[in-house]
Protein backbone atom coordinates (compact mmCIF):
# COMPACT_ATOMS: atom_id res chain seq x y z
CA UNK A 1 103.43 88.89 100.80
CA UNK A 2 103.75 85.62 98.98
CA UNK A 3 102.63 86.94 95.54
CA UNK A 4 105.43 89.59 95.90
CA UNK A 5 107.97 87.05 96.49
CA UNK A 6 106.68 84.88 93.76
CA UNK A 7 106.79 87.94 91.33
CA UNK A 8 110.23 88.72 92.46
CA UNK A 9 111.42 85.26 91.93
CA UNK A 10 109.88 84.98 88.49
CA UNK A 11 111.47 88.81 87.58
CA UNK A 12 114.71 87.56 88.92
CA UNK A 13 114.81 84.45 86.80
CA UNK A 14 113.88 86.62 83.72
CA UNK A 15 116.28 89.07 84.50
CA UNK A 16 119.22 86.16 84.60
CA UNK A 17 117.87 84.74 81.45
CA UNK A 18 118.22 88.31 79.78
CA UNK A 19 121.53 88.75 80.99
CA UNK A 20 122.54 85.28 79.87
CA UNK A 21 121.22 86.26 76.35
CA UNK A 22 122.85 89.59 76.41
CA UNK A 23 125.97 87.95 76.82
CA UNK A 24 125.68 86.15 73.52
CA UNK A 25 125.47 89.30 71.57
CA UNK A 26 128.44 89.29 69.03
CA UNK A 27 130.29 92.77 69.28
CA UNK A 28 133.67 93.84 67.96
CA UNK A 29 135.71 94.94 71.05
CA UNK A 30 138.39 96.54 69.09
CA UNK A 31 135.99 98.92 66.90
CA UNK A 32 134.38 100.37 70.08
CA UNK A 33 131.05 99.00 69.65
CA UNK A 34 129.97 97.72 72.88
CA UNK A 35 126.68 99.39 73.17
CA UNK A 36 124.74 96.50 71.55
CA UNK A 37 125.82 94.50 74.53
CA UNK A 38 126.01 96.95 77.23
CA UNK A 39 122.53 98.27 77.20
CA UNK A 40 120.85 94.89 77.46
CA UNK A 41 123.25 94.09 80.18
CA UNK A 42 122.36 97.18 82.31
CA UNK A 43 118.63 96.71 81.86
CA UNK A 44 119.04 93.16 83.03
CA UNK A 45 121.17 94.38 86.00
CA UNK A 46 118.51 96.92 86.89
CA UNK A 47 115.58 94.03 86.59
CA UNK A 48 117.60 91.74 88.75
CA UNK A 49 118.22 94.70 91.50
CA UNK A 50 114.90 95.43 91.63
CA UNK A 51 113.51 91.99 91.79
CA UNK A 52 115.78 91.11 94.87
CA UNK A 53 114.26 94.20 96.46
CA UNK A 54 110.84 92.62 95.95
CA UNK A 55 112.10 89.37 97.22
CA UNK A 56 113.51 90.64 100.34
CA UNK A 57 111.22 93.70 101.30
CA UNK A 58 107.77 92.37 99.91
CA UNK A 59 104.60 94.53 100.51
CA UNK A 60 102.68 93.32 103.62
CA UNK A 61 99.42 92.74 101.89
CA UNK A 62 99.08 93.68 98.18
CA UNK A 63 95.77 94.92 97.15
CA UNK A 64 94.74 93.28 93.83
CA UNK A 65 93.29 95.48 91.04
CA UNK A 66 89.52 95.30 90.35
CA UNK A 67 88.18 94.21 86.83
CA UNK A 68 88.32 97.46 84.91
CA UNK A 69 92.09 97.45 85.85
CA UNK A 70 92.60 93.96 84.45
CA UNK A 71 90.88 94.91 81.35
CA UNK A 72 93.05 97.86 80.66
CA UNK A 73 96.37 95.70 81.64
CA UNK A 74 95.06 93.00 78.82
CA UNK A 75 94.52 95.90 76.38
CA UNK A 76 98.09 96.98 77.19
CA UNK A 77 99.50 93.66 76.67
CA UNK A 78 97.58 93.32 73.35
CA UNK A 79 98.87 96.65 72.28
CA UNK A 80 102.47 95.90 73.11
CA UNK A 81 102.30 92.54 71.37
CA UNK A 82 100.85 93.92 68.16
CA UNK A 83 103.64 96.68 68.50
CA UNK A 84 106.22 94.03 68.79
CA UNK A 85 105.15 92.40 65.59
CA UNK A 86 104.46 95.48 63.35
CA UNK A 87 108.15 96.95 64.03
CA UNK A 88 109.88 94.79 61.31
CA UNK A 89 107.28 95.39 58.38
CA UNK A 90 106.41 99.15 59.35
CA UNK A 91 109.51 100.50 60.75
CA UNK A 92 109.68 102.33 64.08
CA UNK A 93 107.98 105.67 63.85
CA UNK A 94 104.35 104.51 62.93
CA UNK A 95 104.20 101.65 65.42
CA UNK A 96 105.70 103.39 68.22
CA UNK A 97 103.49 106.39 67.61
CA UNK A 98 100.32 104.29 67.85
CA UNK A 99 101.55 101.97 70.84
CA UNK A 100 102.78 105.14 72.93
CA UNK A 101 99.38 107.04 71.91
CA UNK A 102 97.23 104.22 73.09
CA UNK A 103 98.98 103.54 76.39
CA UNK A 104 99.10 107.23 77.14
CA UNK A 105 95.31 107.38 76.59
CA UNK A 106 95.05 104.66 79.03
CA UNK A 107 96.87 106.51 81.68
CA UNK A 108 95.00 109.79 81.02
CA UNK A 109 92.09 109.66 78.81
CA UNK A 110 92.41 112.92 76.81
CA UNK A 111 92.64 112.27 72.95
CA UNK A 112 94.78 115.31 72.10
CA UNK A 113 97.78 114.91 74.55
CA UNK A 114 97.74 111.20 73.99
CA UNK A 115 98.01 111.73 70.39
CA UNK A 116 100.91 114.13 70.83
CA UNK A 117 102.50 111.87 73.48
CA UNK A 118 102.58 109.24 71.09
CA UNK A 119 104.18 111.42 68.29
CA UNK A 120 106.60 112.96 70.66
CA UNK A 121 107.82 109.55 72.00
CA UNK A 122 107.98 107.94 68.65
CA UNK A 123 110.37 110.87 67.41
CA UNK A 124 112.17 111.36 70.41
CA UNK A 125 112.87 107.47 71.00
CA UNK A 126 113.80 107.42 67.13
CA UNK A 127 116.52 110.09 67.58
CA UNK A 128 117.73 108.72 70.75
CA UNK A 129 118.23 105.22 69.67
CA UNK A 130 119.43 106.02 66.00
CA UNK A 131 121.76 108.87 66.82
CA UNK A 132 122.61 109.20 70.47
CA UNK A 133 123.20 105.39 70.83
CA UNK A 134 124.14 104.75 67.27
CA UNK A 135 121.89 101.87 66.86
CA UNK A 136 122.11 102.19 63.14
CA UNK A 137 119.86 99.01 62.12
CA UNK A 138 116.66 100.91 63.24
CA UNK A 139 114.46 101.76 60.12
CA UNK A 140 112.38 104.82 60.58
CA UNK A 141 109.42 103.73 58.36
CA UNK A 142 108.49 101.08 55.69
CA UNK A 143 105.54 100.77 53.41
CA UNK A 144 104.44 96.99 53.67
CA UNK A 145 102.42 95.17 51.57
CA UNK A 146 99.30 93.35 52.82
CA UNK A 147 100.93 89.97 52.74
CA UNK A 148 103.88 90.93 55.02
CA UNK A 149 101.35 92.57 57.46
CA UNK A 150 99.65 89.49 57.58
CA UNK A 151 102.61 87.36 57.92
CA UNK A 152 103.46 89.47 60.82
CA UNK A 153 100.04 89.41 62.65
CA UNK A 154 99.87 85.46 62.12
CA UNK A 155 102.46 85.19 64.64
CA UNK A 156 99.93 86.44 67.46
CA UNK A 157 97.31 83.84 66.23
CA UNK A 158 97.97 80.39 67.93
CA UNK A 159 98.30 77.50 65.29
CA UNK A 160 98.34 79.87 62.35
CA UNK A 161 101.86 81.58 62.60
CA UNK A 162 104.92 80.67 60.67
């Protein structure tokens, strides 16, 4: 019960900070480009509502995961961290396909469906973001140099990054 309330409070603080950061996004109201600001505001609003629900209706006694589950969560966090730093040097499609495939494999350890899920999510999300939402700054793919990849990955290594 206390752990749910602590999690809800941390999530609420994060959501409010996310909303505050989203309000700083510069958009041109007269050109009709409000989606870059609206999407993060909606995400922050939903996160705030969910955190309030967790704060006011916590589970009675949460069951903590066993050791194997902690390892799976650590792998997921590592995959998402690597994904975040590889987006800029490699573009959207390849890092998204690998990250989605690995996370899909963690959910259901079958190789072929995980590979297809990764490719499908990568292509589907690219079309959604680029064309449906009009986020024109998304690059499909880039061929990075070894130096650019190393620069990106050193962000993850403490005391070595930029």
